């Protein structure tokens, strides 16, 4: 695919958050020694913070997002573990943020904005290939959204931005609704957006992990 085709595809990574409302390389070999951070643990994670690869880059303010569109119904995937792994740390929505952020080390950038889904602010933490959205939930800062932002990341489910739709279907199956596939397991929903590139090949444009319930308790 030429450069313009990939750029058009990667620009679609923000579109999934717009549809769902506010929030926010070659595949790497499986990492050994994955750190699992207990979401109920109040103590700091044991993993030492990793030094950032470069000086934090300035992060541009995000444009104002339109009103939320109803999310597609999520299909139950009881045999599939819907979690994300970043920098050797296992991440899931609604985990307590403090020990996770310590285990991940310094982000390459941060941003905050008034939240339209939770009380207070949306806090964004940017890492190579993914970002975390953190919100205060019942007095505790928790990870509410995990977003894959480029094709350097292969998810534990075997997905990568730029993969063809056929690969998604072969791995997870599912049914599309408004260009989005949604999968639910436990308290997590995985949203995968599909867009056609310049050759009309349908590819994964964005990948997000969200909690099944928002602050008001509304189930997805």
N, C-alpha and C. Protein backbone atom coordinates (compact mmCIF):
# COMPACT_ATOMS: atom_id res chain seq x y z
N UNK A 1 0.85 -1.18 0.00
CA UNK A 1 0.00 0.00 0.00
C UNK A 1 0.88 1.23 0.00
N UNK A 2 0.52 2.30 -0.79
CA UNK A 2 1.36 3.48 -0.83
C UNK A 2 1.15 4.34 0.41
N UNK A 3 2.01 5.35 0.54
CA UNK A 3 2.03 6.17 1.76
C UNK A 3 0.70 6.85 2.00
N UNK A 4 0.08 7.38 0.93
CA UNK A 4 -1.18 8.10 1.11
C UNK A 4 -2.28 7.17 1.58
N UNK A 5 -2.25 5.91 1.12
CA UNK A 5 -3.29 4.97 1.55
C UNK A 5 -3.18 4.68 3.04
N UNK A 6 -1.92 4.43 3.51
CA UNK A 6 -1.74 4.16 4.94
C UNK A 6 -2.10 5.36 5.79
N UNK A 7 -1.73 6.58 5.31
CA UNK A 7 -2.06 7.76 6.09
C UNK A 7 -3.55 7.92 6.23
N UNK A 8 -4.29 7.65 5.13
CA UNK A 8 -5.75 7.76 5.20
C UNK A 8 -6.32 6.77 6.17
N UNK A 9 -5.72 5.55 6.21
CA UNK A 9 -6.23 4.53 7.11
C UNK A 9 -5.96 4.89 8.56
N UNK A 10 -4.73 5.35 8.85
CA UNK A 10 -4.36 5.63 10.23
C UNK A 10 -5.09 6.85 10.77
N UNK A 11 -5.48 7.78 9.87
CA UNK A 11 -6.24 8.94 10.33
C UNK A 11 -7.61 8.54 10.86
N UNK A 12 -8.03 7.30 10.52
CA UNK A 12 -9.33 6.83 11.00
C UNK A 12 -9.30 6.32 12.41
N UNK A 13 -8.10 6.28 13.08
CA UNK A 13 -8.04 5.71 14.42
C UNK A 13 -8.84 6.50 15.43
N UNK A 14 -9.03 7.80 15.19
CA UNK A 14 -9.82 8.59 16.14
C UNK A 14 -11.31 8.50 15.89
N UNK A 15 -11.72 7.92 14.76
CA UNK A 15 -13.14 7.93 14.41
C UNK A 15 -13.97 7.08 15.33
N UNK A 16 -13.40 6.02 15.90
CA UNK A 16 -14.18 5.15 16.76
C UNK A 16 -14.64 5.88 18.00
N UNK A 17 -13.77 6.70 18.61
CA UNK A 17 -14.18 7.46 19.78
C UNK A 17 -15.25 8.47 19.43
N UNK A 18 -15.22 9.00 18.19
CA UNK A 18 -16.26 9.95 17.79
C UNK A 18 -17.59 9.23 17.67
N UNK A 19 -17.61 8.00 17.14
CA UNK A 19 -18.85 7.27 17.00
C UNK A 19 -19.41 6.86 18.35
N UNK A 20 -18.54 6.49 19.28
CA UNK A 20 -19.01 5.98 20.56
C UNK A 20 -19.21 7.08 21.57
N UNK A 21 -18.74 8.31 21.27
CA UNK A 21 -18.89 9.41 22.19
C UNK A 21 -17.55 9.79 22.77
N UNK A 22 -17.55 10.57 23.85
CA UNK A 22 -16.31 11.06 24.43
C UNK A 22 -15.52 9.92 25.00
N UNK A 23 -14.32 10.16 25.22
CA UNK A 23 -13.48 9.23 25.94
C UNK A 23 -12.08 9.81 26.11
N UNK A 24 -12.13 9.41 24.74
CA UNK A 24 -10.85 9.81 24.28
C UNK A 24 -10.39 9.55 22.91
N UNK A 25 4.75 -1.65 12.37
CA UNK A 25 5.94 -2.48 12.36
C UNK A 25 5.58 -3.96 12.23
N UNK A 26 6.35 -4.78 12.28
CA UNK A 26 6.02 -6.20 12.24
C UNK A 26 5.54 -6.61 13.61
N UNK A 27 4.66 -7.61 13.69
CA UNK A 27 4.16 -8.02 14.99
C UNK A 27 5.28 -8.41 15.93
N UNK A 28 5.23 -7.92 17.17
CA UNK A 28 6.25 -8.27 18.15
C UNK A 28 6.00 -9.67 18.68
N UNK A 29 7.10 -10.38 19.00
CA UNK A 29 6.96 -11.71 19.58
C UNK A 29 6.34 -11.58 20.96
N UNK A 30 5.59 -12.60 21.41
CA UNK A 30 4.97 -12.54 22.74
C UNK A 30 6.01 -12.25 23.80
N UNK A 31 5.68 -11.34 24.73
CA UNK A 31 6.63 -10.94 25.75
C UNK A 31 6.56 -11.90 26.93
N UNK A 32 7.73 -12.20 27.51
CA UNK A 32 7.77 -13.02 28.69
C UNK A 32 7.69 -12.14 29.93
N UNK A 33 7.30 -12.76 31.04
CA UNK A 33 7.26 -12.02 32.29
C UNK A 33 6.23 -10.93 32.32
N UNK A 34 5.04 -11.19 31.78
CA UNK A 34 3.98 -10.19 31.78
C UNK A 34 3.58 -9.85 33.20
N UNK A 35 3.47 -8.61 33.49
CA UNK A 35 3.08 -8.16 34.83
C UNK A 35 1.57 -8.05 34.89
N UNK A 36 0.92 -8.71 35.82
CA UNK A 36 -0.52 -8.55 36.00
C UNK A 36 -0.75 -7.68 37.21
N UNK A 37 -1.42 -6.57 37.00
CA UNK A 37 -1.70 -5.63 38.08
C UNK A 37 -3.10 -5.88 38.59
N UNK A 38 -3.22 -6.27 39.86
CA UNK A 38 -4.52 -6.53 40.46
C UNK A 38 -5.32 -5.24 40.49
N UNK A 39 -6.53 -5.21 39.83
CA UNK A 39 -7.31 -3.96 39.80
C UNK A 39 -7.77 -3.50 41.17
N UNK A 40 -7.78 -4.43 42.17
CA UNK A 40 -8.24 -4.05 43.51
C UNK A 40 -7.08 -3.73 44.44
N UNK A 41 -5.85 -3.86 43.94
CA UNK A 41 -4.70 -3.64 44.80
C UNK A 41 -4.44 -2.16 44.98
N UNK A 42 -4.20 -1.75 46.20
CA UNK A 42 -3.94 -0.33 46.46
C UNK A 42 -2.45 -0.04 46.46
N UNK A 43 -1.62 -1.10 46.59
CA UNK A 43 -0.18 -0.88 46.64
C UNK A 43 0.39 -0.67 45.26
N UNK A 44 1.59 -0.07 45.21
CA UNK A 44 2.25 0.21 43.93
C UNK A 44 2.69 -1.08 43.29
N UNK A 45 2.70 -1.12 41.96
CA UNK A 45 3.15 -2.29 41.21
C UNK A 45 4.63 -2.49 41.43
N UNK A 46 5.08 -3.76 41.34
CA UNK A 46 6.47 -4.08 41.60
C UNK A 46 7.37 -3.80 40.42
N UNK A 47 6.81 -3.69 39.23
CA UNK A 47 7.66 -3.46 38.07
C UNK A 47 8.28 -2.08 38.16
N UNK A 48 9.59 -2.00 37.82
CA UNK A 48 10.27 -0.71 37.86
C UNK A 48 9.86 0.13 36.68
N UNK A 49 9.62 1.43 36.87
CA UNK A 49 9.24 2.29 35.74
C UNK A 49 10.31 2.30 34.68
N UNK A 50 9.87 2.18 33.43
CA UNK A 50 10.81 2.20 32.32
C UNK A 50 11.09 3.63 31.93
N UNK A 51 12.36 3.92 31.64
CA UNK A 51 12.72 5.28 31.22
C UNK A 51 12.17 5.54 29.84
N UNK A 52 11.63 6.74 29.58
CA UNK A 52 11.09 7.04 28.25
C UNK A 52 12.19 7.01 27.21
N UNK A 53 11.83 6.57 26.00
CA UNK A 53 12.80 6.45 24.93
C UNK A 53 13.25 7.81 24.45
N UNK A 54 12.44 8.84 24.66
CA UNK A 54 12.79 10.16 24.19
C UNK A 54 12.10 11.19 25.07
N UNK A 55 12.47 12.44 24.92
CA UNK A 55 11.84 13.50 25.69
C UNK A 55 10.37 13.59 25.33
N UNK A 56 9.49 13.79 26.29
CA UNK A 56 8.06 13.88 25.99
C UNK A 56 7.79 14.90 24.90
N UNK A 57 7.02 14.43 23.91
CA UNK A 57 6.68 15.32 22.80
C UNK A 57 5.42 16.10 23.15
N UNK A 58 5.31 17.33 22.68
CA UNK A 58 4.08 18.10 22.96
C UNK A 58 2.88 17.43 22.33
N UNK A 59 1.78 17.46 23.03
CA UNK A 59 0.56 16.81 22.55
C UNK A 59 -0.46 17.89 22.21
N UNK A 60 -0.97 17.83 21.01
CA UNK A 60 -1.93 18.84 20.58
C UNK A 60 -3.28 18.60 21.24
N UNK A 61 -3.97 19.67 21.54
CA UNK A 61 -5.30 19.55 22.12
C UNK A 61 -6.24 18.89 21.14
N UNK A 62 -7.11 18.04 21.66
CA UNK A 62 -8.04 17.34 20.80
C UNK A 62 -9.21 18.25 20.43
N UNK A 63 -9.72 18.10 19.21
CA UNK A 63 -10.86 18.91 18.81
C UNK A 63 -12.11 18.52 19.57
N UNK A 64 -13.04 19.44 19.66
CA UNK A 64 -14.30 19.14 20.32
C UNK A 64 -15.00 18.03 19.59
N UNK A 65 -15.52 17.05 20.35
CA UNK A 65 -16.14 15.88 19.75
C UNK A 65 -17.65 16.05 19.68
N UNK A 66 -18.27 15.44 18.68
CA UNK A 66 -19.73 15.55 18.54
C UNK A 66 -20.45 14.72 19.57
N UNK A 67 -21.76 14.90 19.63
CA UNK A 67 -22.57 14.13 20.57
C UNK A 67 -22.42 12.64 20.29
N UNK A 68 -22.56 11.85 21.35
CA UNK A 68 -22.34 10.41 21.24
C UNK A 68 -23.39 9.75 20.35
N UNK A 69 -22.94 8.74 19.64
CA UNK A 69 -23.83 7.89 18.85
C UNK A 69 -23.98 6.57 19.59
N UNK A 70 -25.15 5.99 19.55
CA UNK A 70 -25.39 4.74 20.26
C UNK A 70 -24.38 3.68 19.83
N UNK A 71 -23.75 3.03 20.83
CA UNK A 71 -22.77 1.99 20.53
C UNK A 71 -23.48 0.74 20.01
N UNK A 72 -22.82 -0.01 19.13
CA UNK A 72 -23.44 -1.24 18.63
C UNK A 72 -23.55 -2.29 19.72
N UNK A 73 -24.51 -3.16 19.59
CA UNK A 73 -24.67 -4.24 20.56
C UNK A 73 -23.45 -5.14 20.51
N UNK A 74 -22.93 -5.49 21.69
CA UNK A 74 -21.73 -6.32 21.76
C UNK A 74 -22.10 -7.78 21.86
N UNK A 75 -21.38 -8.61 21.10
CA UNK A 75 -21.61 -10.05 21.16
C UNK A 75 -20.79 -10.66 22.29
N UNK A 76 -21.42 -11.55 23.06
CA UNK A 76 -20.74 -12.21 24.17
C UNK A 76 -19.70 -13.18 23.63
N UNK A 77 -18.48 -13.08 24.14
CA UNK A 77 -17.40 -13.98 23.72
C UNK A 77 -16.81 -14.61 24.97
N UNK A 78 -17.52 -15.60 25.50
CA UNK A 78 -17.18 -16.18 26.80
C UNK A 78 -15.81 -16.84 26.80
N UNK A 79 -15.37 -17.36 25.68
CA UNK A 79 -14.11 -18.08 25.65
C UNK A 79 -12.93 -17.19 25.30
N UNK A 80 -13.16 -15.90 25.13
CA UNK A 80 -12.11 -14.97 24.73
C UNK A 80 -11.81 -14.00 25.86
N UNK A 81 -10.52 -13.92 26.22
CA UNK A 81 -10.11 -12.97 27.25
C UNK A 81 -9.84 -11.63 26.58
N UNK A 82 -10.64 -10.63 26.91
CA UNK A 82 -10.51 -9.32 26.29
C UNK A 82 -9.67 -8.41 27.18
N UNK A 83 -8.37 -8.50 27.02
CA UNK A 83 -7.46 -7.63 27.74
C UNK A 83 -6.44 -7.11 26.74
N UNK A 84 -5.67 -6.10 27.17
CA UNK A 84 -4.62 -5.52 26.33
C UNK A 84 -3.29 -5.67 27.06
N UNK A 85 -2.22 -5.77 26.32
CA UNK A 85 -0.89 -5.82 26.93
C UNK A 85 -0.03 -4.72 26.34
N UNK A 86 0.50 -3.86 27.21
CA UNK A 86 1.36 -2.78 26.77
C UNK A 86 2.60 -2.71 27.63
N UNK A 87 3.78 -2.70 27.03
CA UNK A 87 5.06 -2.62 27.74
C UNK A 87 5.17 -3.72 28.79
N UNK A 88 4.65 -4.90 28.47
CA UNK A 88 4.75 -6.03 29.39
C UNK A 88 3.77 -6.01 30.53
N UNK A 89 2.81 -5.10 30.51
CA UNK A 89 1.81 -4.98 31.59
C UNK A 89 0.44 -5.34 31.04
N UNK A 90 -0.25 -6.21 31.73
CA UNK A 90 -1.62 -6.57 31.33
C UNK A 90 -2.58 -5.49 31.80
N UNK A 91 -3.40 -4.99 30.86
CA UNK A 91 -4.29 -3.87 31.15
C UNK A 91 -5.73 -4.24 30.83
N UNK A 92 -6.64 -3.80 31.68
CA UNK A 92 -8.07 -3.99 31.46
C UNK A 92 -8.81 -2.74 31.91
N UNK A 93 -9.95 -2.42 31.28
CA UNK A 93 -10.74 -1.29 31.72
C UNK A 93 -11.18 -1.44 33.17
N UNK A 94 -11.23 -0.33 33.87
CA UNK A 94 -11.65 -0.19 35.27
C UNK A 94 -10.60 -0.64 36.27
N UNK A 95 -9.38 -0.95 35.81
CA UNK A 95 -8.29 -1.18 36.75
C UNK A 95 -7.94 0.15 37.41
N UNK A 96 -7.49 0.11 38.68
CA UNK A 96 -7.04 1.31 39.34
C UNK A 96 -5.83 1.86 38.59
N UNK A 97 -5.85 3.15 38.32
CA UNK A 97 -4.86 3.72 37.41
C UNK A 97 -3.46 3.85 38.02
N UNK A 98 -3.35 4.22 39.30
CA UNK A 98 -2.05 4.56 39.88
C UNK A 98 -1.02 3.44 39.75
N UNK A 99 -1.32 2.20 40.17
CA UNK A 99 -0.30 1.15 40.04
C UNK A 99 0.03 0.81 38.59
N UNK A 100 -0.96 0.94 37.71
CA UNK A 100 -0.71 0.67 36.29
C UNK A 100 0.23 1.71 35.69
N UNK A 101 -0.03 2.98 35.98
CA UNK A 101 0.81 4.04 35.44
C UNK A 101 2.24 3.92 35.95
N UNK A 102 2.41 3.50 37.21
CA UNK A 102 3.75 3.33 37.74
C UNK A 102 4.46 2.18 37.04
N UNK A 103 3.74 1.09 36.78
CA UNK A 103 4.34 -0.06 36.11
C UNK A 103 4.74 0.27 34.67
N UNK A 104 3.96 1.13 34.00
CA UNK A 104 4.24 1.48 32.62
C UNK A 104 5.41 2.45 32.49
N UNK A 105 5.69 3.21 33.51
CA UNK A 105 6.75 4.21 33.43
C UNK A 105 6.24 5.50 32.82
N UNK A 106 7.16 6.44 32.61
CA UNK A 106 6.80 7.77 32.14
C UNK A 106 6.17 7.72 30.75
N UNK A 107 5.02 8.38 30.54
CA UNK A 107 4.41 8.43 29.21
C UNK A 107 5.18 9.40 28.32
N UNK A 108 4.96 9.31 27.01
CA UNK A 108 5.61 10.23 26.08
C UNK A 108 4.81 11.53 25.95
N UNK A 109 3.63 11.57 26.54
CA UNK A 109 2.82 12.78 26.51
C UNK A 109 1.56 12.59 27.33
N UNK A 110 0.96 13.69 27.75
CA UNK A 110 -0.29 13.66 28.50
C UNK A 110 -1.19 14.78 28.01
N UNK A 111 -2.47 14.66 28.34
CA UNK A 111 -3.45 15.68 27.96
C UNK A 111 -4.65 15.51 28.87
N UNK A 112 -5.38 16.59 29.11
CA UNK A 112 -6.61 16.49 29.88
C UNK A 112 -7.65 17.43 29.31
N UNK A 113 -8.92 17.03 29.49
CA UNK A 113 -10.04 17.83 29.00
C UNK A 113 -11.25 17.53 29.86
N UNK A 114 -12.22 18.45 29.86
CA UNK A 114 -13.46 18.20 30.58
C UNK A 114 -14.13 16.96 30.01
N UNK A 115 -14.62 16.10 30.88
CA UNK A 115 -15.24 14.86 30.44
C UNK A 115 -16.73 15.06 30.20
N UNK A 116 -17.25 14.42 29.16
CA UNK A 116 -18.69 14.43 28.92
C UNK A 116 -19.31 13.07 29.25
N UNK A 117 -18.50 12.14 29.77
CA UNK A 117 -19.02 10.82 30.14
C UNK A 117 -18.87 10.56 31.63
N UNK A 118 -17.90 11.20 32.27
CA UNK A 118 -17.65 11.01 33.70
C UNK A 118 -17.57 12.36 34.38
N UNK A 119 -17.54 12.35 35.70
CA UNK A 119 -17.36 13.58 36.46
C UNK A 119 -15.91 14.04 36.33
N UNK A 120 -15.71 15.34 36.29
CA UNK A 120 -14.36 15.86 36.27
C UNK A 120 -13.71 15.82 34.90
N UNK A 121 -12.45 15.40 34.87
CA UNK A 121 -11.63 15.46 33.67
C UNK A 121 -11.41 14.08 33.04
N UNK A 122 -11.22 14.09 31.71
CA UNK A 122 -10.63 12.94 31.02
C UNK A 122 -9.13 13.17 31.04
N UNK A 123 -8.37 12.22 31.56
CA UNK A 123 -6.91 12.31 31.61
C UNK A 123 -6.34 11.31 30.61
N UNK A 124 -5.53 11.79 29.68
CA UNK A 124 -4.96 10.94 28.64
C UNK A 124 -3.48 10.73 28.89
N UNK A 125 -3.03 9.48 28.77
CA UNK A 125 -1.61 9.13 28.90
C UNK A 125 -1.19 8.41 27.63
N UNK A 126 -0.16 8.96 26.95
CA UNK A 126 0.26 8.45 25.66
C UNK A 126 1.53 7.62 25.78
N UNK A 127 1.51 6.42 25.20
CA UNK A 127 2.65 5.52 25.17
C UNK A 127 2.86 5.08 23.72
N UNK A 128 4.03 4.54 23.40
CA UNK A 128 4.26 4.11 22.01
C UNK A 128 3.22 3.08 21.57
N UNK A 129 2.39 3.45 20.61
CA UNK A 129 1.42 2.53 20.03
C UNK A 129 0.07 2.47 20.71
N UNK A 130 -0.07 3.06 21.90
CA UNK A 130 -1.38 3.00 22.58
C UNK A 130 -1.52 4.17 23.53
N UNK A 131 -2.75 4.40 23.96
CA UNK A 131 -3.02 5.46 24.94
C UNK A 131 -4.06 4.98 25.94
N UNK A 132 -4.03 5.57 27.12
CA UNK A 132 -4.98 5.26 28.18
C UNK A 132 -5.80 6.50 28.51
N UNK A 133 -7.09 6.30 28.74
CA UNK A 133 -7.95 7.35 29.26
C UNK A 133 -8.28 7.01 30.71
N UNK A 134 -8.08 7.97 31.59
CA UNK A 134 -8.31 7.76 33.02
C UNK A 134 -9.38 8.73 33.50
N UNK A 135 -10.31 8.22 34.30
CA UNK A 135 -11.37 9.04 34.88
C UNK A 135 -11.56 8.68 36.34
N UNK A 136 -12.13 9.61 37.09
CA UNK A 136 -12.46 9.32 38.48
C UNK A 136 -13.81 8.60 38.53
N UNK A 137 -13.81 7.41 39.13
CA UNK A 137 -15.02 6.61 39.27
C UNK A 137 -15.19 6.26 40.74
N UNK A 138 -16.25 6.75 41.34
CA UNK A 138 -16.52 6.51 42.76
C UNK A 138 -15.32 6.88 43.63
N UNK A 139 -14.69 8.01 43.30
CA UNK A 139 -13.60 8.52 44.12
C UNK A 139 -12.24 7.93 43.84
N UNK A 140 -12.14 7.02 42.85
CA UNK A 140 -10.87 6.37 42.51
C UNK A 140 -10.58 6.60 41.03
N UNK A 141 -9.36 6.99 40.70
CA UNK A 141 -8.98 7.15 39.30
C UNK A 141 -8.77 5.77 38.68
N UNK A 142 -9.52 5.50 37.61
CA UNK A 142 -9.47 4.19 36.95
C UNK A 142 -9.27 4.36 35.45
N UNK A 143 -8.71 3.33 34.84
CA UNK A 143 -8.57 3.30 33.38
C UNK A 143 -9.96 3.01 32.81
N UNK A 144 -10.45 3.88 31.96
CA UNK A 144 -11.78 3.67 31.38
C UNK A 144 -11.73 3.28 29.91
N UNK A 145 -10.66 3.68 29.21
CA UNK A 145 -10.52 3.33 27.79
C UNK A 145 -9.06 3.02 27.50
N UNK A 146 -8.84 1.96 26.72
CA UNK A 146 -7.51 1.62 26.21
C UNK A 146 -7.62 1.67 24.69
N UNK A 147 -6.81 2.49 24.03
CA UNK A 147 -6.92 2.71 22.60
C UNK A 147 -5.61 2.37 21.91
N UNK A 148 -5.69 1.52 20.88
CA UNK A 148 -4.53 1.24 20.03
C UNK A 148 -4.46 2.35 18.99
N UNK A 149 -3.29 2.97 18.81
CA UNK A 149 -3.22 4.14 17.95
C UNK A 149 -2.44 3.93 16.65
N UNK A 150 -1.69 2.83 16.53
CA UNK A 150 -1.00 2.61 15.26
C UNK A 150 -0.72 1.11 15.06
N UNK A 151 -0.07 0.80 13.93
CA UNK A 151 0.11 -0.60 13.56
C UNK A 151 1.37 -1.23 14.15
N UNK A 152 1.99 -0.57 15.14
CA UNK A 152 3.13 -1.19 15.82
C UNK A 152 2.68 -2.16 16.90
N UNK A 153 1.39 -2.15 17.22
CA UNK A 153 0.85 -2.99 18.29
C UNK A 153 0.05 -4.15 17.71
N UNK A 154 0.33 -5.36 18.19
CA UNK A 154 -0.51 -6.51 17.92
C UNK A 154 -1.18 -6.88 19.24
N UNK A 155 -2.50 -6.90 19.28
CA UNK A 155 -3.22 -7.15 20.52
C UNK A 155 -3.12 -8.63 20.90
N UNK A 156 -3.39 -8.95 22.17
CA UNK A 156 -3.40 -10.35 22.58
C UNK A 156 -4.41 -11.20 21.80
N UNK A 157 -5.40 -10.53 21.19
CA UNK A 157 -6.38 -11.25 20.38
C UNK A 157 -5.89 -11.46 18.94
N UNK A 158 -4.69 -10.98 18.62
CA UNK A 158 -4.11 -11.19 17.31
C UNK A 158 -4.44 -10.12 16.28
N UNK A 159 -4.93 -8.97 16.73
CA UNK A 159 -5.37 -7.92 15.81
C UNK A 159 -4.36 -6.78 15.74
N UNK A 160 -4.31 -6.14 14.58
CA UNK A 160 -3.44 -4.99 14.37
C UNK A 160 -4.13 -4.04 13.42
N UNK A 161 -3.98 -2.74 13.67
CA UNK A 161 -4.53 -1.74 12.75
C UNK A 161 -3.92 -1.97 11.37
N UNK A 162 -4.78 -2.01 10.36
CA UNK A 162 -4.35 -2.28 8.99
C UNK A 162 -4.65 -3.69 8.54
N UNK A 163 -4.96 -4.60 9.49
CA UNK A 163 -5.34 -5.96 9.10
C UNK A 163 -6.65 -5.93 8.31
N UNK A 164 -6.78 -6.87 7.38
CA UNK A 164 -8.01 -6.94 6.59
C UNK A 164 -9.17 -7.48 7.44
N UNK A 165 -10.37 -7.11 7.05
CA UNK A 165 -11.57 -7.54 7.77
C UNK A 165 -11.66 -9.05 7.86
N UNK A 166 -11.21 -9.74 6.80
CA UNK A 166 -11.27 -11.20 6.80
C UNK A 166 -10.48 -11.81 7.97
N UNK A 167 -9.37 -11.17 8.33
CA UNK A 167 -8.58 -11.69 9.45
C UNK A 167 -9.36 -11.54 10.75
N UNK A 168 -9.99 -10.39 10.95
CA UNK A 168 -10.82 -10.19 12.13
C UNK A 168 -11.89 -11.26 12.23
N UNK A 169 -12.57 -11.51 11.12
CA UNK A 169 -13.65 -12.50 11.13
C UNK A 169 -13.12 -13.90 11.39
N UNK A 170 -11.95 -14.21 10.87
CA UNK A 170 -11.39 -15.54 11.09
C UNK A 170 -10.98 -15.74 12.54
N UNK A 171 -10.59 -14.65 13.22
CA UNK A 171 -10.15 -14.76 14.61
C UNK A 171 -11.31 -14.66 15.60
N UNK A 172 -12.22 -13.72 15.36
CA UNK A 172 -13.26 -13.43 16.35
C UNK A 172 -14.68 -13.62 15.84
N UNK A 173 -14.85 -13.70 14.51
CA UNK A 173 -16.21 -13.78 13.98
C UNK A 173 -16.91 -12.44 14.21
N UNK A 174 -18.20 -12.50 14.46
CA UNK A 174 -18.92 -11.28 14.80
C UNK A 174 -19.77 -10.72 13.68
N UNK A 175 -20.48 -9.66 13.99
CA UNK A 175 -21.39 -9.01 13.07
C UNK A 175 -21.16 -7.52 13.10
N UNK A 176 -21.05 -6.92 11.93
CA UNK A 176 -20.78 -5.48 11.84
C UNK A 176 -22.05 -4.67 12.03
N UNK A 177 -21.90 -3.52 12.67
CA UNK A 177 -22.99 -2.56 12.80
C UNK A 177 -22.41 -1.15 12.68
N UNK A 178 -22.80 -0.45 11.62
CA UNK A 178 -22.29 0.90 11.37
C UNK A 178 -20.77 0.95 11.29
N UNK A 179 -20.19 -0.10 10.68
CA UNK A 179 -18.75 -0.14 10.49
C UNK A 179 -17.96 -0.58 11.71
N UNK A 180 -18.64 -1.03 12.75
CA UNK A 180 -17.97 -1.42 13.99
C UNK A 180 -18.38 -2.84 14.39
N UNK A 181 -17.38 -3.62 14.79
CA UNK A 181 -17.61 -4.92 15.42
C UNK A 181 -17.40 -4.74 16.92
N UNK A 182 -18.29 -5.30 17.73
CA UNK A 182 -18.19 -5.18 19.18
C UNK A 182 -18.24 -6.57 19.81
N UNK A 183 -17.33 -6.82 20.74
CA UNK A 183 -17.22 -8.12 21.41
C UNK A 183 -17.18 -7.88 22.92
N UNK A 184 -17.95 -8.68 23.64
CA UNK A 184 -18.00 -8.51 25.09
C UNK A 184 -17.57 -9.79 25.79
N UNK A 185 -16.72 -9.63 26.82
CA UNK A 185 -16.34 -10.74 27.69
C UNK A 185 -16.19 -10.17 29.10
N UNK A 186 -16.96 -10.69 30.03
CA UNK A 186 -16.89 -10.17 31.39
C UNK A 186 -17.30 -8.71 31.43
N UNK A 187 -16.42 -7.87 31.98
CA UNK A 187 -16.72 -6.45 32.14
C UNK A 187 -16.04 -5.58 31.08
N UNK A 188 -15.60 -6.20 29.99
CA UNK A 188 -14.89 -5.47 28.93
C UNK A 188 -15.58 -5.63 27.60
N UNK A 189 -15.64 -4.54 26.82
CA UNK A 189 -16.11 -4.59 25.44
C UNK A 189 -14.97 -4.14 24.54
N UNK A 190 -14.70 -4.94 23.51
CA UNK A 190 -13.70 -4.61 22.51
C UNK A 190 -14.41 -4.10 21.27
N UNK A 191 -14.07 -2.86 20.85
CA UNK A 191 -14.64 -2.27 19.65
C UNK A 191 -13.58 -2.23 18.56
N UNK A 192 -13.93 -2.72 17.39
CA UNK A 192 -13.02 -2.71 16.24
C UNK A 192 -13.74 -2.03 15.08
N UNK A 193 -13.18 -0.92 14.60
CA UNK A 193 -13.77 -0.20 13.48
C UNK A 193 -13.13 -0.64 12.17
N UNK A 194 -13.95 -0.80 11.14
CA UNK A 194 -13.50 -1.20 9.81
C UNK A 194 -13.74 -0.06 8.83
N UNK A 195 -12.73 0.24 8.00
CA UNK A 195 -12.88 1.24 6.94
C UNK A 195 -12.23 0.72 5.68
N UNK A 196 -12.74 1.17 4.52
CA UNK A 196 -12.17 0.78 3.23
C UNK A 196 -11.01 1.72 2.90
N UNK A 197 -9.90 1.15 2.40
CA UNK A 197 -8.78 1.98 1.97
C UNK A 197 -8.99 2.42 0.53
N UNK A 198 -7.99 3.03 -0.08
CA UNK A 198 -8.14 3.57 -1.42
C UNK A 198 -8.37 2.49 -2.48
N UNK A 199 -8.01 1.25 -2.16
CA UNK A 199 -8.26 0.14 -3.09
C UNK A 199 -9.57 -0.58 -2.77
N UNK A 200 -10.36 0.00 -1.84
CA UNK A 200 -11.65 -0.56 -1.41
C UNK A 200 -11.48 -1.84 -0.61
N UNK A 201 -10.27 -2.09 -0.09
CA UNK A 201 -10.06 -3.21 0.81
C UNK A 201 -10.45 -2.79 2.22
N UNK A 202 -11.31 -3.55 2.85
CA UNK A 202 -11.80 -3.20 4.19
C UNK A 202 -10.78 -3.65 5.23
N UNK A 203 -10.32 -2.69 6.03
CA UNK A 203 -9.27 -2.96 7.00
C UNK A 203 -9.63 -2.40 8.38
N UNK A 204 -8.94 -2.91 9.40
CA UNK A 204 -9.12 -2.41 10.76
C UNK A 204 -8.54 -1.00 10.84
N UNK A 205 -9.37 -0.05 11.26
CA UNK A 205 -8.94 1.35 11.36
C UNK A 205 -8.70 1.77 12.80
N UNK A 206 -9.37 1.15 13.76
CA UNK A 206 -9.15 1.50 15.16
C UNK A 206 -9.59 0.36 16.06
N UNK A 207 -8.98 0.31 17.25
CA UNK A 207 -9.22 -0.75 18.22
C UNK A 207 -9.32 -0.10 19.60
N UNK A 208 -10.40 -0.38 20.32
CA UNK A 208 -10.59 0.18 21.66
C UNK A 208 -11.14 -0.86 22.62
N UNK A 209 -10.68 -0.78 23.85
CA UNK A 209 -11.22 -1.59 24.95
C UNK A 209 -11.91 -0.63 25.91
N UNK A 210 -13.18 -0.92 26.25
CA UNK A 210 -13.94 -0.08 27.16
C UNK A 210 -14.64 -0.94 28.21
N UNK A 211 -14.99 -0.31 29.33
CA UNK A 211 -15.75 -1.00 30.36
C UNK A 211 -17.19 -1.17 29.90
N UNK A 212 -17.86 -2.21 30.38
CA UNK A 212 -19.24 -2.46 29.99
C UNK A 212 -20.22 -1.50 30.65
N UNK A 213 -19.79 -0.83 31.71
CA UNK A 213 -20.67 0.10 32.40
C UNK A 213 -20.00 1.46 32.53
N UNK A 214 -20.81 2.51 32.41
CA UNK A 214 -20.27 3.85 32.61
C UNK A 214 -20.55 4.28 34.06
N UNK A 215 -20.28 5.54 34.36
CA UNK A 215 -20.41 6.01 35.73
C UNK A 215 -21.83 5.87 36.25
N UNK A 216 -22.80 6.09 35.35
CA UNK A 216 -24.21 6.01 35.79
C UNK A 216 -24.71 4.58 35.87
N UNK A 217 -23.86 3.59 35.49
CA UNK A 217 -24.27 2.19 35.62
C UNK A 217 -24.99 1.67 34.41
N UNK A 218 -24.96 2.39 33.28
CA UNK A 218 -25.63 1.91 32.09
C UNK A 218 -24.82 0.86 31.36
N UNK A 219 -25.34 -0.33 31.21
CA UNK A 219 -24.61 -1.41 30.55
C UNK A 219 -24.56 -1.18 29.06
N UNK A 220 -23.44 -1.61 28.46
CA UNK A 220 -23.29 -1.52 27.00
C UNK A 220 -24.16 -2.56 26.35
